[in-house]
Amino acid sequence: MKARNHSVSVLLMLFSILFCVCLIAANVFETKQIAFFGHSQTAGVIVFPISYIINDVVCEVWGFKKTRLLIWTGFIMNFFFVAIGALCDWLPGADYWENDEGFHAIFGLAPRIALASFAAFISGSFVNAYVMSRMKIHDGQKRFSLRAILSTVFGETTDSVIFFPLAFLGVIPAAELPWIMLYQVMLKTAYEIIVLPLTIRVVAWVKKHEQTDVYDNDISYSIWKLFDL
């Protein structure tokens, strides 16, 4: 029987760890509202776009299959963190514990917000990876910058279109939601553009270090084939 190669490189493993940390950190930072160029934003906007940059790097170097594993790993780890946080929030505090309110503000994520967040993340991340993959097949080595930006636009648009109506319809006036979603997409895309010179150098170094540059010819883009590496 021929053994199947399910191995991943150490570098890919490190990217995966950073990806998961960014997602979990974004959940915690979302609990703080910050003033950003005259607009209110959650502090999660500082770290969450990094997950899309990692998505781009992994898809560009290792291809859609490895990115699919990355996305599902991030989803599962994030779900685990949120679930354990909710459990700890639900458990009664000790008699001397006096910080229930603060703990609840961070870990008492409303089920509606959690559902919206998970659905938006998984959809936006896979759209981002799919656009990266298909554009690379078409363009080859050329136009990495364009596919990095466009994949973010499509991915973040999908994320926002799913998250904000699910999380805030009926809470935020319906007329305001499109503008909030548009601003989110513009802000996160601008983030991608600002760090693009660094992303380009990271991709070039990783390709050289790993001696790999995967093209996703004739693969299945099903999001469910988790162990098809």
C-alpha atoms as a PDB file:
ATOM      1  CA  MET A   1       0.000   0.000   0.000  1.00  0.00           C
ATOM      2  CA  LYS A   2       1.383   3.389  -0.980  1.00  0.00           C
ATOM      3  CA  ALA A   3       1.625   5.822   1.935  1.00  0.00           C
ATOM      4  CA  ARG A   4      -0.121   9.154   1.495  1.00  0.00           C
ATOM      5  CA  ASN A   5       1.968  12.259   2.060  1.00  0.00           C
ATOM      6  CA  HIS A   6       0.204  14.373   4.662  1.00  0.00           C
ATOM      7  CA  SER A   7       3.318  16.197   5.785  1.00  0.00           C
ATOM      8  CA  VAL A   8       3.588  19.960   6.206  1.00  0.00           C
ATOM      9  CA  SER A   9       6.735  22.018   6.559  1.00  0.00           C
ATOM     10  CA  VAL A  10       7.891  23.655   9.771  1.00  0.00           C
ATOM     11  CA  LEU A  11       7.464  27.063   8.162  1.00  0.00           C
ATOM     12  CA  LEU A  12       3.863  26.295   7.221  1.00  0.00           C
ATOM     13  CA  MET A  13       3.247  25.130  10.778  1.00  0.00           C
ATOM     14  CA  LEU A  14       4.589  28.452  12.123  1.00  0.00           C
ATOM     15  CA  PHE A  15       2.363  30.413   9.747  1.00  0.00           C
ATOM     16  CA  SER A  16      -0.585  28.320  10.938  1.00  0.00           C
ATOM     17  CA  ILE A  17       0.184  29.093  14.586  1.00  0.00           C
ATOM     18  CA  LEU A  18       0.385  32.828  13.837  1.00  0.00           C
ATOM     19  CA  PHE A  19      -2.879  32.576  11.871  1.00  0.00           C
ATOM     20  CA  CYS A  20      -4.676  31.023  14.842  1.00  0.00           C
ATOM     21  CA  VAL A  21      -3.189  33.549  17.279  1.00  0.00           C
ATOM     22  CA  CYS A  22      -4.396  36.436  15.086  1.00  0.00           C
ATOM     23  CA  LEU A  23      -7.944  35.058  14.949  1.00  0.00           C
ATOM     24  CA  ILE A  24      -8.133  34.472  18.706  1.00  0.00           C
ATOM     25  CA  ALA A  25      -6.529  37.828  19.502  1.00  0.00           C
ATOM     26  CA  ALA A  26      -8.999  39.580  17.186  1.00  0.00           C
ATOM     27  CA  ASN A  27     -11.870  38.061  19.194  1.00  0.00           C
ATOM     28  CA  VAL A  28     -10.473  39.515  22.431  1.00  0.00           C
ATOM     29  CA  PHE A  29      -9.610  42.891  20.899  1.00  0.00           C
ATOM     30  CA  GLU A  30     -13.101  43.188  19.380  1.00  0.00           C
ATOM     31  CA  THR A  31     -14.365  44.007  22.876  1.00  0.00           C
ATOM     32  CA  LYS A  32     -12.729  47.452  22.759  1.00  0.00           C
ATOM     33  CA  GLN A  33     -13.985  50.302  20.597  1.00  0.00           C
ATOM     34  CA  ILE A  34     -11.321  52.673  19.293  1.00  0.00           C
ATOM     35  CA  ALA A  35     -11.399  55.997  17.439  1.00  0.00           C
ATOM     36  CA  PHE A  36      -9.689  55.523  14.073  1.00  0.00           C
ATOM     37  CA  PHE A  37      -9.386  58.582  11.794  1.00  0.00           C
ATOM     38  CA  GLY A  38     -12.650  59.960  13.092  1.00  0.00           C
ATOM     39  CA  HIS A  39     -14.534  56.662  12.866  1.00  0.00           C
ATOM     40  CA  SER A  40     -15.366  54.157  15.576  1.00  0.00           C
ATOM     41  CA  GLN A  41     -13.869  50.715  15.045  1.00  0.00           C
ATOM     42  CA  THR A  42     -13.212  47.654  17.131  1.00  0.00           C
ATOM     43  CA  ALA A  43      -9.578  47.152  18.081  1.00  0.00           C
ATOM     44  CA  GLY A  44      -9.709  43.780  16.303  1.00  0.00           C
ATOM     45  CA  VAL A  45      -9.212  45.638  13.022  1.00  0.00           C
ATOM     46  CA  ILE A  46      -5.541  46.015  14.008  1.00  0.00           C
ATOM     47  CA  VAL A  47      -4.815  42.291  13.934  1.00  0.00           C
ATOM     48  CA  PHE A  48      -7.584  40.564  11.941  1.00  0.00           C
ATOM     49  CA  PRO A  49      -6.327  41.647   8.466  1.00  0.00           C
ATOM     50  CA  ILE A  50      -3.053  39.838   9.213  1.00  0.00           C
ATOM     51  CA  SER A  51      -4.990  36.568   8.895  1.00  0.00           C
ATOM     52  CA  TYR A  52      -5.852  37.484   5.280  1.00  0.00           C
ATOM     53  CA  ILE A  53      -2.217  38.312   4.550  1.00  0.00           C
ATOM     54  CA  ILE A  54      -1.164  34.902   5.913  1.00  0.00           C
ATOM     55  CA  ASN A  55      -3.945  33.340   3.824  1.00  0.00           C
ATOM     56  CA  ASP A  56      -2.434  35.021   0.739  1.00  0.00           C
ATOM     57  CA  VAL A  57       1.112  33.884   1.534  1.00  0.00           C
ATOM     58  CA  VAL A  58       0.135  30.266   2.188  1.00  0.00           C
ATOM     59  CA  CYS A  59      -2.073  30.048  -0.908  1.00  0.00           C
ATOM     60  CA  GLU A  60       0.589  31.632  -3.115  1.00  0.00           C
ATOM     61  CA  VAL A  61       3.377  29.341  -1.913  1.00  0.00           C
ATOM     62  CA  TRP A  62       1.688  26.054  -0.942  1.00  0.00           C
ATOM     63  CA  GLY A  63      -1.596  26.221  -2.850  1.00  0.00           C
ATOM     64  CA  PHE A  64      -5.292  25.935  -2.060  1.00  0.00           C
ATOM     65  CA  LYS A  65      -5.130  22.493  -0.412  1.00  0.00           C
ATOM     66  CA  LYS A  66      -2.772  23.617   2.339  1.00  0.00           C
ATOM     67  CA  THR A  67      -4.745  26.856   2.695  1.00  0.00           C
ATOM     68  CA  ARG A  68      -7.931  24.827   3.181  1.00  0.00           C
ATOM     69  CA  LEU A  69      -6.257  23.027   6.085  1.00  0.00           C
ATOM     70  CA  LEU A  70      -5.060  26.382   7.462  1.00  0.00           C
ATOM     71  CA  ILE A  71      -8.550  27.904   7.356  1.00  0.00           C
ATOM     72  CA  TRP A  72     -10.247  24.936   9.031  1.00  0.00           C
ATOM     73  CA  THR A  73      -7.522  24.778  11.678  1.00  0.00           C
ATOM     74  CA  GLY A  74      -8.055  28.456  12.448  1.00  0.00           C
ATOM     75  CA  PHE A  75     -11.818  27.963  12.559  1.00  0.00           C
ATOM     76  CA  ILE A  76     -11.594  24.997  14.963  1.00  0.00           C
ATOM     77  CA  MET A  77      -9.083  26.698  17.267  1.00  0.00           C
ATOM     78  CA  ASN A  78     -11.139  29.886  17.314  1.00  0.00           C
ATOM     79  CA  PHE A  79     -14.330  27.927  18.037  1.00  0.00           C
ATOM     80  CA  PHE A  80     -12.558  26.071  20.845  1.00  0.00           C
ATOM     81  CA  PHE A  81     -11.358  29.338  22.386  1.00  0.00           C
ATOM     82  CA  VAL A  82     -14.798  30.968  22.198  1.00  0.00           C
ATOM     83  CA  ALA A  83     -16.534  27.850  23.575  1.00  0.00           C
ATOM     84  CA  ILE A  84     -14.141  27.512  26.527  1.00  0.00           C
ATOM     85  CA  GLY A  85     -14.403  31.245  27.192  1.00  0.00           C
ATOM     86  CA  ALA A  86     -18.205  30.992  27.226  1.00  0.00           C
ATOM     87  CA  LEU A  87     -18.019  28.034  29.618  1.00  0.00           C
ATOM     88  CA  CYS A  88     -15.720  29.903  31.999  1.00  0.00           C
ATOM     89  CA  ASP A  89     -18.021  32.937  31.800  1.00  0.00           C
ATOM     90  CA  TRP A  90     -21.043  30.760  32.642  1.00  0.00           C
ATOM     91  CA  LEU A  91     -19.438  29.049  35.649  1.00  0.00           C
ATOM     92  CA  PRO A  92     -20.146  30.850  38.942  1.00  0.00           C
ATOM     93  CA  GLY A  93     -17.258  32.876  40.289  1.00  0.00           C
ATOM     94  CA  ALA A  94     -15.602  32.310  43.654  1.00  0.00           C
ATOM     95  CA  ASP A  95     -16.918  34.274  46.633  1.00  0.00           C
ATOM     96  CA  TYR A  96     -13.912  36.604  46.573  1.00  0.00           C
ATOM     97  CA  TRP A  97     -14.010  37.111  42.786  1.00  0.00           C
ATOM     98  CA  GLU A  98     -15.055  40.683  41.970  1.00  0.00           C
ATOM     99  CA  ASN A  99     -14.415  40.970  38.240  1.00  0.00           C
ATOM    100  CA  ASP A 100     -17.380  39.136  36.746  1.00  0.00           C
ATOM    101  CA  GLU A 101     -18.456  42.166  34.743  1.00  0.00           C
ATOM    102  CA  GLY A 102     -15.050  42.674  33.146  1.00  0.00           C
ATOM    103  CA  PHE A 103     -14.635  38.966  32.372  1.00  0.00           C
ATOM    104  CA  HIS A 104     -18.111  38.820  30.835  1.00  0.00           C
ATOM    105  CA  ALA A 105     -17.367  41.854  28.661  1.00  0.00           C
ATOM    106  CA  ILE A 106     -14.453  39.959  27.085  1.00  0.00           C
ATOM    107  CA  PHE A 107     -15.626  36.351  27.004  1.00  0.00           C
ATOM    108  CA  GLY A 108     -19.418  36.603  27.125  1.00  0.00           C
ATOM    109  CA  LEU A 109     -19.783  36.675  23.346  1.00  0.00           C
ATOM    110  CA  ALA A 110     -23.461  36.691  22.377  1.00  0.00           C
ATOM    111  CA  PRO A 111     -24.494  33.580  20.395  1.00  0.00           C
ATOM    112  CA  ARG A 112     -25.696  35.776  17.532  1.00  0.00           C
ATOM    113  CA  ILE A 113     -22.333  37.538  17.270  1.00  0.00           C
ATOM    114  CA  ALA A 114     -20.436  34.250  17.526  1.00  0.00           C
ATOM    115  CA  LEU A 115     -22.519  32.624  14.771  1.00  0.00           C
ATOM    116  CA  ALA A 116     -22.107  35.650  12.514  1.00  0.00           C
ATOM    117  CA  SER A 117     -18.370  35.746  13.159  1.00  0.00           C
ATOM    118  CA  PHE A 118     -17.817  32.060  12.384  1.00  0.00           C
ATOM    119  CA  ALA A 119     -19.975  32.097   9.228  1.00  0.00           C
ATOM    120  CA  ALA A 120     -18.303  35.268   7.941  1.00  0.00           C
ATOM    121  CA  PHE A 121     -14.780  34.037   8.653  1.00  0.00           C
ATOM    122  CA  ILE A 122     -15.130  30.661   6.954  1.00  0.00           C
ATOM    123  CA  SER A 123     -16.855  32.179   3.894  1.00  0.00           C
ATOM    124  CA  GLY A 124     -14.533  35.163   3.490  1.00  0.00           C
ATOM    125  CA  SER A 125     -11.375  33.116   3.990  1.00  0.00           C
ATOM    126  CA  PHE A 126     -12.308  30.539   1.363  1.00  0.00           C
ATOM    127  CA  VAL A 127     -13.335  33.220  -1.133  1.00  0.00           C
ATOM    128  CA  ASN A 128      -9.970  34.908  -0.560  1.00  0.00           C
ATOM    129  CA  ALA A 129      -8.088  31.641  -1.139  1.00  0.00           C
ATOM    130  CA  TYR A 130     -10.145  30.702  -4.208  1.00  0.00           C
ATOM    131  CA  VAL A 131      -9.528  34.062  -5.913  1.00  0.00           C
ATOM    132  CA  MET A 132      -5.793  33.830  -5.151  1.00  0.00           C
ATOM    133  CA  SER A 133      -5.606  30.295  -6.514  1.00  0.00           C
ATOM    134  CA  ARG A 134      -7.553  30.892  -9.730  1.00  0.00           C
ATOM    135  CA  MET A 135      -5.724  34.121 -10.540  1.00  0.00           C
ATOM    136  CA  LYS A 136      -2.349  32.434 -10.026  1.00  0.00           C
ATOM    137  CA  ILE A 137      -3.272  29.669 -12.475  1.00  0.00           C
ATOM    138  CA  HIS A 138      -4.172  32.366 -15.008  1.00  0.00           C
ATOM    139  CA  ASP A 139      -1.283  34.779 -14.373  1.00  0.00           C
ATOM    140  CA  GLY A 140       1.551  32.483 -13.292  1.00  0.00           C
ATOM    141  CA  GLN A 141       4.414  34.338 -11.622  1.00  0.00           C
ATOM    142  CA  LYS A 142       3.071  37.725 -12.725  1.00  0.00           C
ATOM    143  CA  ARG A 143       0.753  40.141 -10.886  1.00  0.00           C
ATOM    144  CA  PHE A 144       1.018  38.786  -7.353  1.00  0.00           C
ATOM    145  CA  SER A 145       0.224  42.266  -6.021  1.00  0.00           C
ATOM    146  CA  LEU A 146      -3.005  42.425  -8.014  1.00  0.00           C
ATOM    147  CA  ARG A 147      -4.246  39.041  -6.868  1.00  0.00           C
ATOM    148  CA  ALA A 148      -3.305  39.780  -3.251  1.00  0.00           C
ATOM    149  CA  ILE A 149      -5.365  42.981  -3.338  1.00  0.00           C
ATOM    150  CA  LEU A 150      -8.323  41.593  -5.303  1.00  0.00           C
ATOM    151  CA  SER A 151      -8.531  38.449  -3.171  1.00  0.00           C
ATOM    152  CA  THR A 152      -8.708  40.669  -0.091  1.00  0.00           C
ATOM    153  CA  VAL A 153     -11.441  42.815  -1.652  1.00  0.00           C
ATOM    154  CA  PHE A 154     -13.541  39.749  -2.497  1.00  0.00           C
ATOM    155  CA  GLY A 155     -12.793  37.988   0.788  1.00  0.00           C
ATOM    156  CA  GLU A 156     -13.411  40.985   3.024  1.00  0.00           C
ATOM    157  CA  THR A 157     -16.562  41.915   1.091  1.00  0.00           C
ATOM    158  CA  THR A 158     -17.918  38.408   1.622  1.00  0.00           C
ATOM    159  CA  ASP A 159     -16.956  38.571   5.299  1.00  0.00           C
ATOM    160  CA  SER A 160     -18.677  41.940   5.836  1.00  0.00           C
ATOM    161  CA  VAL A 161     -21.803  41.118   3.809  1.00  0.00           C
ATOM    162  CA  ILE A 162     -22.348  38.021   5.965  1.00  0.00           C
ATOM    163  CA  PHE A 163     -21.216  39.313   9.362  1.00  0.00           C
ATOM    164  CA  PHE A 164     -22.903  42.677   9.721  1.00  0.00           C
ATOM    165  CA  PRO A 165     -26.476  41.725   8.706  1.00  0.00           C
ATOM    166  CA  LEU A 166     -26.335  38.537  10.798  1.00  0.00           C
ATOM    167  CA  ALA A 167     -24.852  40.299  13.817  1.00  0.00           C
ATOM    168  CA  PHE A 168     -26.443  43.749  13.736  1.00  0.00           C
ATOM    169  CA  LEU A 169     -29.595  43.808  11.595  1.00  0.00           C
ATOM    170  CA  GLY A 170     -32.254  45.279  13.855  1.00  0.00           C
ATOM    171  CA  VAL A 171     -29.588  46.741  16.136  1.00  0.00           C
ATOM    172  CA  ILE A 172     -27.930  49.142  13.683  1.00  0.00           C
ATOM    173  CA  PRO A 173     -30.261  51.039  11.307  1.00  0.00           C
ATOM    174  CA  ALA A 174     -30.492  49.147   8.013  1.00  0.00           C
ATOM    175  CA  ALA A 175     -29.526  52.254   6.033  1.00  0.00           C
ATOM    176  CA  GLU A 176     -26.239  52.462   7.937  1.00  0.00           C
ATOM    177  CA  LEU A 177     -25.138  48.862   7.401  1.00  0.00           C
ATOM    178  CA  PRO A 178     -23.967  49.226   3.762  1.00  0.00           C
ATOM    179  CA  TRP A 179     -21.764  52.188   4.699  1.00  0.00           C
ATOM    180  CA  ILE A 180     -20.260  50.339   7.658  1.00  0.00           C
ATOM    181  CA  MET A 181     -19.548  47.308   5.469  1.00  0.00           C
ATOM    182  CA  LEU A 182     -18.002  49.480   2.740  1.00  0.00           C
ATOM    183  CA  TYR A 183     -15.770  51.261   5.243  1.00  0.00           C
ATOM    184  CA  GLN A 184     -14.626  47.926   6.707  1.00  0.00           C
ATOM    185  CA  VAL A 185     -13.681  46.598   3.261  1.00  0.00           C
ATOM    186  CA  MET A 186     -11.860  49.808   2.332  1.00  0.00           C
ATOM    187  CA  LEU A 187      -9.967  49.944   5.631  1.00  0.00           C
ATOM    188  CA  LYS A 188      -8.836  46.318   5.530  1.00  0.00           C
ATOM    189  CA  THR A 189      -7.889  46.548   1.840  1.00  0.00           C
ATOM    190  CA  ALA A 190      -5.846  49.670   2.595  1.00  0.00           C
ATOM    191  CA  TYR A 191      -4.114  47.671   5.346  1.00  0.00           C
ATOM    192  CA  GLU A 192      -3.238  44.998   2.754  1.00  0.00           C
ATOM    193  CA  ILE A 193      -1.871  47.602   0.342  1.00  0.00           C
ATOM    194  CA  ILE A 194       0.260  49.315   2.999  1.00  0.00           C
ATOM    195  CA  VAL A 195       1.980  46.067   4.007  1.00  0.00           C
ATOM    196  CA  LEU A 196       2.142  44.699   0.446  1.00  0.00           C
ATOM    197  CA  PRO A 197       5.868  45.452  -0.011  1.00  0.00           C
ATOM    198  CA  LEU A 198       6.583  43.330   3.074  1.00  0.00           C
ATOM    199  CA  THR A 199       4.195  40.590   1.889  1.00  0.00           C
ATOM    200  CA  ILE A 200       5.979  40.415  -1.476  1.00  0.00           C
ATOM    201  CA  ARG A 201       9.357  39.967   0.220  1.00  0.00           C
ATOM    202  CA  VAL A 202       7.994  37.329   2.588  1.00  0.00           C
ATOM    203  CA  VAL A 203       6.493  35.353  -0.314  1.00  0.00           C
ATOM    204  CA  ALA A 204       9.748  35.508  -2.295  1.00  0.00           C
ATOM    205  CA  TRP A 205      11.798  34.387   0.715  1.00  0.00           C
ATOM    206  CA  VAL A 206       9.423  31.557   1.607  1.00  0.00           C
ATOM    207  CA  LYS A 207       9.372  30.241  -1.978  1.00  0.00           C
ATOM    208  CA  LYS A 208      13.166  30.253  -2.034  1.00  0.00           C
ATOM    209  CA  HIS A 209      13.443  28.644   1.405  1.00  0.00           C
ATOM    210  CA  GLU A 210      10.814  25.967   0.731  1.00  0.00           C
ATOM    211  CA  GLN A 211      11.816  25.386  -2.890  1.00  0.00           C
ATOM    212  CA  THR A 212       8.140  25.208  -3.806  1.00  0.00           C
ATOM    213  CA  ASP A 213       5.646  27.219  -5.835  1.00  0.00           C
ATOM    214  CA  VAL A 214       2.354  25.325  -6.146  1.00  0.00           C
ATOM    215  CA  TYR A 215      -0.174  25.774  -8.963  1.00  0.00           C
ATOM    216  CA  ASP A 216      -3.646  24.392  -8.294  1.00  0.00           C
ATOM    217  CA  ASN A 217      -4.248  22.654 -11.602  1.00  0.00           C
ATOM    218  CA  ASP A 218      -7.014  20.026 -11.618  1.00  0.00           C
ATOM    219  CA  ILE A 219      -7.780  20.143  -7.884  1.00  0.00           C
ATOM    220  CA  SER A 220     -11.099  20.058  -6.068  1.00  0.00           C
ATOM    221  CA  TYR A 221     -12.079  23.375  -4.505  1.00  0.00           C
ATOM    222  CA  SER A 222     -14.514  21.684  -2.144  1.00  0.00           C
ATOM    223  CA  ILE A 223     -14.029  23.214   1.279  1.00  0.00           C
ATOM    224  CA  TRP A 224     -14.793  19.863   2.941  1.00  0.00           C
ATOM    225  CA  LYS A 225     -11.783  17.839   1.718  1.00  0.00           C
ATOM    226  CA  LEU A 226      -9.793  18.776   4.782  1.00  0.00           C
ATOM    227  CA  PHE A 227      -7.195  16.002   4.598  1.00  0.00           C
ATOM    228  CA  ASP A 228      -6.654  16.122   0.833  1.00  0.00           C
ATOM    229  CA  LEU A 229      -3.199  17.669   0.929  1.00  0.00           C
END
